[in-house]
Amino acid sequence: MTYSTFSRRQFLSTGTAALGLATCFPASSAFALSQNQARTMVDSLVGEINRTIDSGKSENAMIGDFEKIFLRYADTSYVAAYAMGNDGRRASTAQRRAFSQTFNAYVARKYGKRFREFIGGRLEVQDVRQRKNYIEVTTIAFLRGQSPFEVAFHISDRSGQPKFINMYIEGINMLLTERAEVGAMLDKRRGDIDAMIADLKRAS
C-alpha cells in the first residue's frame, strides 16, 4: 500500500488527534484512581525531578536519571502508541517494540534537557482536579530569573497503577507535540518506519 502523507496529515488536521484522551480509553478507566493517589504519585515524581536537578551531575548523567524517572512514572506504552498514531497499525511487532524503546530514550533526552534548565529552581504541586478520564495534577515551576510557569501531569491507572499519560509544560501538550514530531519524521522518510526509528535515535 502506498504511503500517503496527505491522508495522515488530513487525519491530524481534522482534529481527530486533538479530541483528547476521552476517545483513547474508556471513561471508567480512571475511576478507581483517587485524587490523593494521583497527588502522592506526582509528589514522588516531583521529588525525584528536584533531586536530580539539584544533584550537580553532568548533563549526560542527569539525562540518564531522567530516562529512569520517565520509565518509572510514565505509561510508556500508551505514550509511545499515541505518538506513533495510525502508523502503528502497519508496523510489525518488532518495529513497534523498537520504536517504543527508542521513543522512550528520545523523550527522556528531550525533556531531560528541559528539566535541566530548572537547576537552582524547583517544582511544587499546587492543585489536583478530577477530569472525565484522568486526574490532572498541576505543579508550578519556580526558576531563577524567570516568572513561574505551570507544568501539569495527567494521571491514569489504566496500566494497573498510577502513571502519567500526558504532560503540559507552559501549555504545550506533550502527546500532540510528539505525535507531530514523529509524523514529520515519517513524512521525511516517506513512511519508512525503520528509517524514522533510526532518525529518532539521533534526535534530541
N, C-alpha and C. Protein backbone atom coordinates (compact mmCIF):
# COMPACT_ATOMS: atom_id res chain seq x y z
N MET A 1 0.85 -1.18 0.00
CA MET A 1 0.00 0.00 0.00
C MET A 1 0.89 1.24 0.00
N THR A 2 0.56 2.19 -0.83
CA THR A 2 1.36 3.40 -0.94
C THR A 2 1.15 4.28 0.27
N TYR A 3 2.25 4.79 0.79
CA TYR A 3 2.17 5.67 1.96
C TYR A 3 1.68 7.03 1.51
N SER A 4 0.72 7.58 2.20
CA SER A 4 0.16 8.88 1.84
C SER A 4 0.33 9.86 2.98
N THR A 5 1.20 10.85 2.80
CA THR A 5 1.36 11.87 3.84
C THR A 5 0.11 12.71 3.95
N PHE A 6 -0.62 12.86 2.83
CA PHE A 6 -1.83 13.67 2.86
C PHE A 6 -2.87 13.06 3.77
N SER A 7 -3.08 11.77 3.64
CA SER A 7 -4.14 11.14 4.41
C SER A 7 -3.87 11.24 5.91
N ARG A 8 -2.59 11.07 6.33
CA ARG A 8 -2.29 11.14 7.76
C ARG A 8 -2.36 12.57 8.24
N ARG A 9 -1.84 13.53 7.44
CA ARG A 9 -1.92 14.92 7.85
C ARG A 9 -3.37 15.39 7.90
N GLN A 10 -4.18 14.89 6.97
CA GLN A 10 -5.59 15.23 6.99
C GLN A 10 -6.24 14.72 8.27
N PHE A 11 -5.86 13.52 8.67
CA PHE A 11 -6.37 12.94 9.91
C PHE A 11 -6.05 13.83 11.09
N LEU A 12 -4.82 14.33 11.15
CA LEU A 12 -4.43 15.19 12.26
C LEU A 12 -5.13 16.54 12.20
N SER A 13 -5.23 17.10 10.98
CA SER A 13 -5.76 18.44 10.85
C SER A 13 -7.26 18.50 11.11
N THR A 14 -7.97 17.40 10.94
CA THR A 14 -9.40 17.41 11.21
C THR A 14 -9.71 17.54 12.68
N GLY A 15 -8.67 17.37 13.52
CA GLY A 15 -8.87 17.49 14.96
C GLY A 15 -9.12 16.17 15.63
N THR A 16 -9.11 15.06 14.86
CA THR A 16 -9.33 13.76 15.47
C THR A 16 -8.29 13.47 16.53
N ALA A 17 -7.04 13.84 16.25
CA ALA A 17 -5.98 13.58 17.22
C ALA A 17 -6.11 14.47 18.43
N ALA A 18 -6.82 15.58 18.29
CA ALA A 18 -6.94 16.53 19.39
C ALA A 18 -8.25 16.39 20.16
N LEU A 19 -8.98 15.33 19.88
CA LEU A 19 -10.23 15.12 20.61
C LEU A 19 -9.97 14.90 22.08
N GLY A 20 -8.72 14.55 22.41
CA GLY A 20 -8.35 14.38 23.80
C GLY A 20 -8.35 12.94 24.22
N LEU A 21 -8.07 12.73 25.47
CA LEU A 21 -7.91 11.39 25.98
C LEU A 21 -9.23 10.65 26.11
N ALA A 22 -10.35 11.36 26.01
CA ALA A 22 -11.65 10.71 26.19
C ALA A 22 -11.88 9.61 25.17
N THR A 23 -11.31 9.74 23.96
CA THR A 23 -11.52 8.74 22.92
C THR A 23 -10.49 7.64 22.97
N CYS A 24 -9.51 7.74 23.86
CA CYS A 24 -8.38 6.82 23.85
C CYS A 24 -8.55 5.65 24.80
N PHE A 25 -9.35 5.81 25.83
CA PHE A 25 -9.65 4.69 26.70
C PHE A 25 -10.98 4.94 27.38
N PRO A 26 -11.64 3.92 27.87
CA PRO A 26 -12.99 4.07 28.41
C PRO A 26 -13.07 5.06 29.55
N ALA A 27 -14.25 5.68 29.68
CA ALA A 27 -14.43 6.71 30.70
C ALA A 27 -14.25 6.16 32.11
N SER A 28 -14.42 4.87 32.30
CA SER A 28 -14.32 4.29 33.64
C SER A 28 -12.89 3.93 34.03
N SER A 29 -11.92 4.12 33.11
CA SER A 29 -10.58 3.60 33.34
C SER A 29 -9.88 4.26 34.51
N ALA A 30 -10.20 5.53 34.81
CA ALA A 30 -9.51 6.23 35.90
C ALA A 30 -10.37 6.33 37.15
N PHE A 31 -11.59 5.75 37.14
CA PHE A 31 -12.50 5.92 38.26
C PHE A 31 -11.95 5.34 39.55
N ALA A 32 -11.14 4.28 39.48
CA ALA A 32 -10.61 3.66 40.69
C ALA A 32 -9.48 4.48 41.30
N LEU A 33 -8.97 5.42 40.55
CA LEU A 33 -7.84 6.24 41.00
C LEU A 33 -8.37 7.44 41.77
N SER A 34 -7.88 7.62 42.99
CA SER A 34 -8.31 8.76 43.79
C SER A 34 -7.39 9.95 43.57
N GLN A 35 -7.88 11.12 43.92
CA GLN A 35 -7.06 12.33 43.80
C GLN A 35 -5.85 12.25 44.72
N ASN A 36 -6.02 11.66 45.90
CA ASN A 36 -4.89 11.52 46.81
C ASN A 36 -3.81 10.62 46.23
N GLN A 37 -4.22 9.53 45.57
CA GLN A 37 -3.25 8.64 44.95
C GLN A 37 -2.49 9.35 43.84
N ALA A 38 -3.22 10.13 43.03
CA ALA A 38 -2.58 10.87 41.95
C ALA A 38 -1.60 11.90 42.49
N ARG A 39 -2.01 12.60 43.53
CA ARG A 39 -1.12 13.61 44.12
C ARG A 39 0.11 12.95 44.73
N THR A 40 -0.08 11.83 45.42
CA THR A 40 1.06 11.14 46.01
C THR A 40 2.07 10.72 44.94
N MET A 41 1.54 10.23 43.80
CA MET A 41 2.44 9.84 42.72
C MET A 41 3.22 11.02 42.19
N VAL A 42 2.52 12.15 41.98
CA VAL A 42 3.20 13.33 41.44
C VAL A 42 4.15 13.93 42.47
N ASP A 43 3.79 13.89 43.75
CA ASP A 43 4.72 14.34 44.80
C ASP A 43 6.04 13.55 44.70
N SER A 44 5.93 12.24 44.51
CA SER A 44 7.11 11.41 44.38
C SER A 44 7.89 11.74 43.11
N LEU A 45 7.15 11.91 42.00
CA LEU A 45 7.78 12.27 40.73
C LEU A 45 8.52 13.60 40.83
N VAL A 46 7.84 14.60 41.39
CA VAL A 46 8.44 15.93 41.54
C VAL A 46 9.66 15.86 42.46
N GLY A 47 9.56 15.05 43.52
CA GLY A 47 10.71 14.90 44.42
C GLY A 47 11.93 14.35 43.68
N GLU A 48 11.73 13.36 42.82
CA GLU A 48 12.85 12.79 42.08
C GLU A 48 13.41 13.79 41.07
N ILE A 49 12.52 14.54 40.40
CA ILE A 49 12.98 15.57 39.46
C ILE A 49 13.81 16.62 40.20
N ASN A 50 13.29 17.09 41.35
CA ASN A 50 14.02 18.11 42.11
C ASN A 50 15.37 17.60 42.60
N ARG A 51 15.42 16.34 43.05
CA ARG A 51 16.70 15.79 43.50
C ARG A 51 17.69 15.68 42.35
N THR A 52 17.20 15.35 41.17
CA THR A 52 18.08 15.23 40.01
C THR A 52 18.64 16.58 39.59
N ILE A 53 17.78 17.60 39.54
CA ILE A 53 18.27 18.91 39.09
C ILE A 53 19.18 19.55 40.13
N ASP A 54 19.10 19.10 41.39
CA ASP A 54 19.97 19.63 42.44
C ASP A 54 21.21 18.77 42.67
N SER A 55 21.36 17.70 41.88
CA SER A 55 22.42 16.72 42.15
C SER A 55 23.81 17.19 41.77
N GLY A 56 23.90 18.18 40.87
CA GLY A 56 25.21 18.63 40.41
C GLY A 56 25.88 17.68 39.43
N LYS A 57 25.14 16.69 38.95
CA LYS A 57 25.70 15.73 37.99
C LYS A 57 25.89 16.38 36.62
N SER A 58 26.63 15.70 35.75
CA SER A 58 26.80 16.18 34.39
C SER A 58 25.48 16.06 33.63
N GLU A 59 25.39 16.74 32.48
CA GLU A 59 24.16 16.69 31.69
C GLU A 59 23.83 15.26 31.29
N ASN A 60 24.82 14.51 30.82
CA ASN A 60 24.57 13.13 30.39
C ASN A 60 24.07 12.27 31.55
N ALA A 61 24.65 12.46 32.74
CA ALA A 61 24.22 11.69 33.90
C ALA A 61 22.80 12.06 34.29
N MET A 62 22.50 13.36 34.23
CA MET A 62 21.14 13.81 34.55
C MET A 62 20.13 13.23 33.58
N ILE A 63 20.46 13.25 32.30
CA ILE A 63 19.54 12.72 31.30
C ILE A 63 19.31 11.23 31.53
N GLY A 64 20.36 10.51 31.93
CA GLY A 64 20.19 9.10 32.28
C GLY A 64 19.23 8.93 33.44
N ASP A 65 19.33 9.82 34.43
CA ASP A 65 18.41 9.77 35.57
C ASP A 65 16.99 10.10 35.13
N PHE A 66 16.85 11.09 34.24
CA PHE A 66 15.52 11.46 33.76
C PHE A 66 14.87 10.34 32.96
N GLU A 67 15.68 9.58 32.23
CA GLU A 67 15.13 8.44 31.49
C GLU A 67 14.56 7.40 32.47
N LYS A 68 15.28 7.15 33.55
CA LYS A 68 14.78 6.21 34.57
C LYS A 68 13.50 6.73 35.21
N ILE A 69 13.46 8.05 35.47
CA ILE A 69 12.26 8.64 36.04
C ILE A 69 11.08 8.50 35.09
N PHE A 70 11.32 8.78 33.80
CA PHE A 70 10.27 8.66 32.81
C PHE A 70 9.74 7.24 32.74
N LEU A 71 10.63 6.27 32.71
CA LEU A 71 10.22 4.88 32.64
C LEU A 71 9.45 4.45 33.88
N ARG A 72 9.79 5.04 35.03
CA ARG A 72 9.15 4.66 36.29
C ARG A 72 7.76 5.27 36.44
N TYR A 73 7.58 6.49 35.97
CA TYR A 73 6.35 7.22 36.26
C TYR A 73 5.41 7.41 35.07
N ALA A 74 5.88 7.21 33.86
CA ALA A 74 5.03 7.41 32.69
C ALA A 74 4.43 6.09 32.22
N ASP A 75 3.25 6.15 31.66
CA ASP A 75 2.65 5.00 31.00
C ASP A 75 3.27 4.95 29.60
N THR A 76 4.47 4.40 29.53
CA THR A 76 5.28 4.50 28.32
C THR A 76 4.64 3.81 27.11
N SER A 77 3.95 2.71 27.35
CA SER A 77 3.32 2.02 26.22
C SER A 77 2.23 2.88 25.60
N TYR A 78 1.47 3.56 26.44
CA TYR A 78 0.41 4.44 25.94
C TYR A 78 1.00 5.64 25.20
N VAL A 79 1.99 6.29 25.81
CA VAL A 79 2.58 7.49 25.22
C VAL A 79 3.21 7.16 23.86
N ALA A 80 3.95 6.06 23.79
CA ALA A 80 4.60 5.68 22.53
C ALA A 80 3.56 5.33 21.47
N ALA A 81 2.52 4.59 21.85
CA ALA A 81 1.49 4.22 20.89
C ALA A 81 0.76 5.45 20.37
N TYR A 82 0.49 6.41 21.25
CA TYR A 82 -0.17 7.65 20.83
C TYR A 82 0.71 8.43 19.86
N ALA A 83 2.01 8.49 20.17
CA ALA A 83 2.93 9.24 19.32
C ALA A 83 3.01 8.64 17.92
N MET A 84 2.96 7.32 17.82
CA MET A 84 3.04 6.65 16.52
C MET A 84 1.72 6.75 15.76
N GLY A 85 0.62 6.86 16.50
CA GLY A 85 -0.67 7.07 15.86
C GLY A 85 -1.09 5.93 14.94
N ASN A 86 -1.81 6.27 13.88
CA ASN A 86 -2.33 5.27 12.95
C ASN A 86 -1.22 4.49 12.24
N ASP A 87 -0.02 5.07 12.17
CA ASP A 87 1.09 4.38 11.52
C ASP A 87 1.49 3.12 12.28
N GLY A 88 1.13 3.06 13.56
CA GLY A 88 1.42 1.86 14.34
C GLY A 88 0.68 0.64 13.84
N ARG A 89 -0.45 0.85 13.14
CA ARG A 89 -1.24 -0.28 12.65
C ARG A 89 -0.52 -1.06 11.55
N ARG A 90 0.32 -0.37 10.80
CA ARG A 90 1.03 -1.06 9.73
C ARG A 90 2.43 -1.51 10.14
N ALA A 91 2.82 -1.17 11.38
CA ALA A 91 4.14 -1.56 11.86
C ALA A 91 4.11 -3.01 12.33
N SER A 92 5.23 -3.69 12.16
CA SER A 92 5.35 -5.05 12.67
C SER A 92 5.53 -5.01 14.19
N THR A 93 5.38 -6.17 14.83
CA THR A 93 5.60 -6.24 16.27
C THR A 93 7.01 -5.80 16.63
N ALA A 94 7.98 -6.23 15.84
CA ALA A 94 9.38 -5.85 16.09
C ALA A 94 9.58 -4.35 15.93
N GLN A 95 8.92 -3.76 14.93
CA GLN A 95 9.04 -2.32 14.72
C GLN A 95 8.40 -1.53 15.86
N ARG A 96 7.25 -2.00 16.33
CA ARG A 96 6.60 -1.30 17.46
C ARG A 96 7.46 -1.38 18.71
N ARG A 97 8.08 -2.55 18.94
CA ARG A 97 8.95 -2.70 20.10
C ARG A 97 10.17 -1.79 19.99
N ALA A 98 10.78 -1.77 18.81
CA ALA A 98 11.96 -0.92 18.60
C ALA A 98 11.60 0.55 18.72
N PHE A 99 10.44 0.92 18.18
CA PHE A 99 10.01 2.31 18.28
C PHE A 99 9.79 2.71 19.74
N SER A 100 9.12 1.85 20.51
CA SER A 100 8.84 2.16 21.91
C SER A 100 10.12 2.38 22.70
N GLN A 101 11.10 1.50 22.51
CA GLN A 101 12.37 1.63 23.22
C GLN A 101 13.10 2.90 22.81
N THR A 102 13.14 3.17 21.51
CA THR A 102 13.83 4.35 21.00
C THR A 102 13.11 5.63 21.41
N PHE A 103 11.79 5.60 21.34
CA PHE A 103 10.99 6.78 21.70
C PHE A 103 11.16 7.13 23.16
N ASN A 104 11.16 6.13 24.04
CA ASN A 104 11.34 6.40 25.47
C ASN A 104 12.65 7.11 25.73
N ALA A 105 13.72 6.64 25.09
CA ALA A 105 15.03 7.28 25.28
C ALA A 105 15.04 8.69 24.70
N TYR A 106 14.38 8.86 23.56
CA TYR A 106 14.29 10.18 22.92
C TYR A 106 13.55 11.18 23.81
N VAL A 107 12.42 10.76 24.37
CA VAL A 107 11.64 11.65 25.24
C VAL A 107 12.44 12.01 26.49
N ALA A 108 13.16 11.03 27.04
CA ALA A 108 13.97 11.29 28.23
C ALA A 108 15.05 12.32 27.92
N ARG A 109 15.69 12.20 26.76
CA ARG A 109 16.71 13.19 26.37
C ARG A 109 16.10 14.57 26.19
N LYS A 110 14.99 14.60 25.47
CA LYS A 110 14.37 15.89 25.14
C LYS A 110 13.86 16.62 26.37
N TYR A 111 13.09 15.93 27.20
CA TYR A 111 12.52 16.59 28.36
C TYR A 111 13.51 16.65 29.52
N GLY A 112 14.47 15.73 29.50
CA GLY A 112 15.54 15.82 30.48
C GLY A 112 16.33 17.10 30.33
N LYS A 113 16.61 17.47 29.07
CA LYS A 113 17.32 18.73 28.82
C LYS A 113 16.47 19.92 29.26
N ARG A 114 15.16 19.80 29.09
CA ARG A 114 14.28 20.89 29.53
C ARG A 114 14.28 21.00 31.04
N PHE A 115 14.17 19.87 31.73
CA PHE A 115 14.17 19.91 33.19
C PHE A 115 15.53 20.34 33.75
N ARG A 116 16.60 20.10 32.98
CA ARG A 116 17.92 20.54 33.45
C ARG A 116 17.98 22.06 33.55
N GLU A 117 17.13 22.75 32.78
CA GLU A 117 17.05 24.21 32.87
C GLU A 117 16.52 24.66 34.23
N PHE A 118 15.95 23.70 34.99
CA PHE A 118 15.37 24.04 36.28
C PHE A 118 16.41 24.10 37.40
N ILE A 119 17.68 23.86 37.08
CA ILE A 119 18.72 23.87 38.11
C ILE A 119 18.67 25.19 38.88
N GLY A 120 18.65 25.07 40.19
CA GLY A 120 18.52 26.24 41.05
C GLY A 120 17.08 26.61 41.33
N GLY A 121 16.15 25.91 40.68
CA GLY A 121 14.74 26.18 40.91
C GLY A 121 14.08 24.96 41.52
N ARG A 122 12.75 24.88 41.36
CA ARG A 122 12.03 23.76 41.95
C ARG A 122 10.64 23.65 41.34
N LEU A 123 10.05 22.48 41.47
CA LEU A 123 8.65 22.25 41.12
C LEU A 123 7.85 22.07 42.40
N GLU A 124 6.67 22.65 42.45
CA GLU A 124 5.80 22.49 43.61
C GLU A 124 4.41 22.09 43.14
N VAL A 125 3.84 21.06 43.78
CA VAL A 125 2.47 20.65 43.47
C VAL A 125 1.50 21.70 44.01
N GLN A 126 0.54 22.12 43.16
CA GLN A 126 -0.38 23.17 43.53
C GLN A 126 -1.83 22.74 43.62
N ASP A 127 -2.28 21.89 42.68
CA ASP A 127 -3.70 21.60 42.61
C ASP A 127 -3.94 20.22 42.03
N VAL A 128 -5.05 19.59 42.40
CA VAL A 128 -5.45 18.28 41.89
C VAL A 128 -6.90 18.37 41.48
N ARG A 129 -7.21 17.96 40.25
CA ARG A 129 -8.58 18.04 39.75
C ARG A 129 -8.97 16.74 39.06
N GLN A 130 -10.19 16.31 39.31
CA GLN A 130 -10.74 15.14 38.63
C GLN A 130 -11.26 15.56 37.27
N ARG A 131 -10.75 14.94 36.23
CA ARG A 131 -11.28 15.14 34.89
C ARG A 131 -12.09 13.90 34.53
N LYS A 132 -12.67 13.89 33.33
CA LYS A 132 -13.56 12.79 32.98
C LYS A 132 -12.83 11.45 32.94
N ASN A 133 -11.64 11.42 32.35
CA ASN A 133 -10.93 10.14 32.13
C ASN A 133 -9.57 10.08 32.80
N TYR A 134 -9.23 11.09 33.57
CA TYR A 134 -7.93 11.12 34.22
C TYR A 134 -7.97 12.15 35.34
N ILE A 135 -6.92 12.21 36.11
CA ILE A 135 -6.77 13.23 37.15
C ILE A 135 -5.63 14.16 36.77
N GLU A 136 -5.89 15.44 36.83
CA GLU A 136 -4.89 16.44 36.48
C GLU A 136 -4.23 16.98 37.75
N VAL A 137 -2.92 16.87 37.81
CA VAL A 137 -2.16 17.41 38.93
C VAL A 137 -1.31 18.56 38.39
N THR A 138 -1.57 19.74 38.90
CA THR A 138 -0.87 20.93 38.42
C THR A 138 0.29 21.27 39.35
N THR A 139 1.44 21.53 38.77
CA THR A 139 2.60 21.99 39.53
C THR A 139 3.04 23.34 38.97
N ILE A 140 3.78 24.06 39.77
CA ILE A 140 4.35 25.33 39.34
C ILE A 140 5.87 25.22 39.37
N ALA A 141 6.50 25.63 38.29
CA ALA A 141 7.95 25.65 38.21
C ALA A 141 8.46 27.03 38.59
N PHE A 142 9.32 27.06 39.61
CA PHE A 142 9.95 28.30 40.04
C PHE A 142 11.41 28.25 39.62
N LEU A 143 11.79 29.09 38.66
CA LEU A 143 13.15 29.12 38.15
C LEU A 143 13.80 30.46 38.47
N ARG A 144 15.10 30.42 38.62
CA ARG A 144 15.82 31.65 38.91
C ARG A 144 15.74 32.60 37.71
N GLY A 145 15.37 33.86 37.98
CA GLY A 145 15.37 34.87 36.94
C GLY A 145 14.22 34.77 35.96
N GLN A 146 13.23 33.89 36.23
CA GLN A 146 12.09 33.74 35.34
C GLN A 146 10.79 33.77 36.13
N SER A 147 9.73 34.14 35.43
CA SER A 147 8.42 34.10 36.07
C SER A 147 8.00 32.64 36.23
N PRO A 148 7.30 32.30 37.31
CA PRO A 148 6.81 30.93 37.49
C PRO A 148 5.90 30.52 36.34
N PHE A 149 5.91 29.24 36.01
CA PHE A 149 5.01 28.74 34.97
C PHE A 149 4.50 27.36 35.35
N GLU A 150 3.45 26.95 34.67
CA GLU A 150 2.74 25.73 35.04
C GLU A 150 3.27 24.50 34.30
N VAL A 151 3.38 23.41 35.03
CA VAL A 151 3.66 22.09 34.48
C VAL A 151 2.56 21.17 35.00
N ALA A 152 1.74 20.62 34.11
CA ALA A 152 0.60 19.79 34.53
C ALA A 152 0.80 18.35 34.08
N PHE A 153 0.43 17.43 34.94
CA PHE A 153 0.52 16.00 34.64
C PHE A 153 -0.89 15.41 34.64
N HIS A 154 -1.18 14.58 33.64
CA HIS A 154 -2.44 13.87 33.58
C HIS A 154 -2.19 12.43 34.00
N ILE A 155 -2.90 12.00 35.04
CA ILE A 155 -2.63 10.72 35.69
C ILE A 155 -3.79 9.75 35.46
N SER A 156 -3.44 8.51 35.12
CA SER A 156 -4.43 7.44 34.95
C SER A 156 -3.86 6.17 35.56
N ASP A 157 -4.77 5.26 35.92
CA ASP A 157 -4.31 3.95 36.40
C ASP A 157 -4.68 2.85 35.41
N ARG A 158 -4.82 3.22 34.13
CA ARG A 158 -5.20 2.26 33.09
C ARG A 158 -4.19 1.13 32.96
N SER A 159 -2.94 1.37 33.37
CA SER A 159 -1.89 0.35 33.27
C SER A 159 -1.89 -0.57 34.49
N GLY A 160 -2.73 -0.27 35.48
CA GLY A 160 -2.78 -1.06 36.71
C GLY A 160 -2.21 -0.32 37.91
N GLN A 161 -1.54 0.79 37.66
CA GLN A 161 -1.02 1.62 38.74
C GLN A 161 -0.96 3.06 38.25
N PRO A 162 -0.95 4.04 39.15
CA PRO A 162 -0.94 5.43 38.71
C PRO A 162 0.30 5.76 37.88
N LYS A 163 0.07 6.31 36.70
CA LYS A 163 1.15 6.74 35.80
C LYS A 163 0.69 8.01 35.10
N PHE A 164 1.66 8.83 34.65
CA PHE A 164 1.21 9.98 33.88
C PHE A 164 1.15 9.61 32.40
N ILE A 165 0.05 10.03 31.75
CA ILE A 165 -0.18 9.72 30.35
C ILE A 165 0.01 10.93 29.46
N ASN A 166 0.16 12.09 30.06
CA ASN A 166 0.44 13.30 29.29
C ASN A 166 1.02 14.33 30.23
N MET A 167 1.67 15.32 29.63
CA MET A 167 2.30 16.39 30.40
C MET A 167 2.19 17.67 29.59
N TYR A 168 1.86 18.73 30.27
CA TYR A 168 1.84 20.06 29.64
C TYR A 168 2.91 20.91 30.31
N ILE A 169 3.77 21.51 29.51
CA ILE A 169 4.75 22.48 30.03
C ILE A 169 4.45 23.82 29.39
N GLU A 170 4.05 24.79 30.21
CA GLU A 170 3.64 26.11 29.72
C GLU A 170 2.57 25.97 28.64
N GLY A 171 1.64 25.05 28.85
CA GLY A 171 0.52 24.89 27.92
C GLY A 171 0.81 24.03 26.71
N ILE A 172 2.06 23.56 26.55
CA ILE A 172 2.41 22.74 25.40
C ILE A 172 2.10 21.28 25.71
N ASN A 173 1.28 20.66 24.88
CA ASN A 173 0.81 19.30 25.06
C ASN A 173 1.86 18.30 24.57
N MET A 174 2.42 17.51 25.48
CA MET A 174 3.46 16.56 25.10
C MET A 174 2.98 15.55 24.07
N LEU A 175 1.79 14.97 24.29
CA LEU A 175 1.30 13.93 23.38
C LEU A 175 1.16 14.44 21.95
N LEU A 176 0.49 15.56 21.79
CA LEU A 176 0.28 16.09 20.44
C LEU A 176 1.58 16.57 19.82
N THR A 177 2.46 17.15 20.64
CA THR A 177 3.76 17.60 20.13
C THR A 177 4.57 16.44 19.59
N GLU A 178 4.64 15.35 20.36
CA GLU A 178 5.46 14.21 19.93
C GLU A 178 4.81 13.46 18.78
N ARG A 179 3.48 13.44 18.72
CA ARG A 179 2.81 12.82 17.58
C ARG A 179 3.15 13.58 16.30
N ALA A 180 3.16 14.91 16.39
CA ALA A 180 3.51 15.72 15.23
C ALA A 180 4.97 15.52 14.84
N GLU A 181 5.87 15.43 15.83
CA GLU A 181 7.30 15.24 15.55
C GLU A 181 7.54 13.90 14.85
N VAL A 182 6.93 12.83 15.39
CA VAL A 182 7.11 11.52 14.78
C VAL A 182 6.51 11.50 13.38
N GLY A 183 5.35 12.14 13.22
CA GLY A 183 4.73 12.22 11.90
C GLY A 183 5.61 12.95 10.90
N ALA A 184 6.25 14.03 11.33
CA ALA A 184 7.14 14.77 10.43
C ALA A 184 8.34 13.92 10.02
N MET A 185 8.86 13.12 10.95
CA MET A 185 9.97 12.22 10.62
C MET A 185 9.53 11.17 9.60
N LEU A 186 8.31 10.65 9.77
CA LEU A 186 7.80 9.67 8.81
C LEU A 186 7.57 10.30 7.45
N ASP A 187 7.06 11.53 7.42
CA ASP A 187 6.88 12.22 6.15
C ASP A 187 8.20 12.38 5.42
N LYS A 188 9.23 12.78 6.17
CA LYS A 188 10.55 12.98 5.58
C LYS A 188 11.08 11.69 4.98
N ARG A 189 10.76 10.57 5.60
CA ARG A 189 11.23 9.26 5.14
C ARG A 189 10.18 8.53 4.30
N ARG A 190 9.16 9.27 3.88
CA ARG A 190 8.10 8.73 3.03
C ARG A 190 7.49 7.45 3.61
N GLY A 191 7.30 7.47 4.92
CA GLY A 191 6.61 6.39 5.59
C GLY A 191 7.47 5.21 5.99
N ASP A 192 8.76 5.31 5.81
CA ASP A 192 9.67 4.20 6.16
C ASP A 192 9.85 4.19 7.68
N ILE A 193 9.23 3.24 8.35
CA ILE A 193 9.25 3.19 9.81
C ILE A 193 10.65 2.92 10.34
N ASP A 194 11.39 2.02 9.72
CA ASP A 194 12.75 1.72 10.18
C ASP A 194 13.65 2.95 10.08
N ALA A 195 13.51 3.71 8.99
CA ALA A 195 14.32 4.93 8.82
C ALA A 195 13.92 5.97 9.86
N MET A 196 12.63 6.08 10.15
CA MET A 196 12.16 7.02 11.17
C MET A 196 12.75 6.65 12.54
N ILE A 197 12.76 5.37 12.87
CA ILE A 197 13.31 4.94 14.16
C ILE A 197 14.80 5.27 14.24
N ALA A 198 15.53 5.08 13.12
CA ALA A 198 16.94 5.44 13.09
C ALA A 198 17.14 6.93 13.31
N ASP A 199 16.29 7.74 12.69
CA ASP A 199 16.37 9.19 12.88
C ASP A 199 16.06 9.57 14.33
N LEU A 200 15.09 8.88 14.92
CA LEU A 200 14.69 9.16 16.29
C LEU A 200 15.83 8.88 17.27
N LYS A 201 16.65 7.88 16.97
CA LYS A 201 17.79 7.55 17.82
C LYS A 201 18.79 8.70 17.87
N ARG A 202 18.85 9.46 16.79
CA ARG A 202 19.82 10.57 16.71
C ARG A 202 19.22 11.89 17.15
N ALA A 203 17.90 11.94 17.33
CA ALA A 203 17.22 13.19 17.66
C ALA A 203 17.44 13.54 19.12
N SER A 204 17.27 14.82 19.44
CA SER A 204 17.43 15.25 20.83
C SER A 204 16.28 16.15 21.22
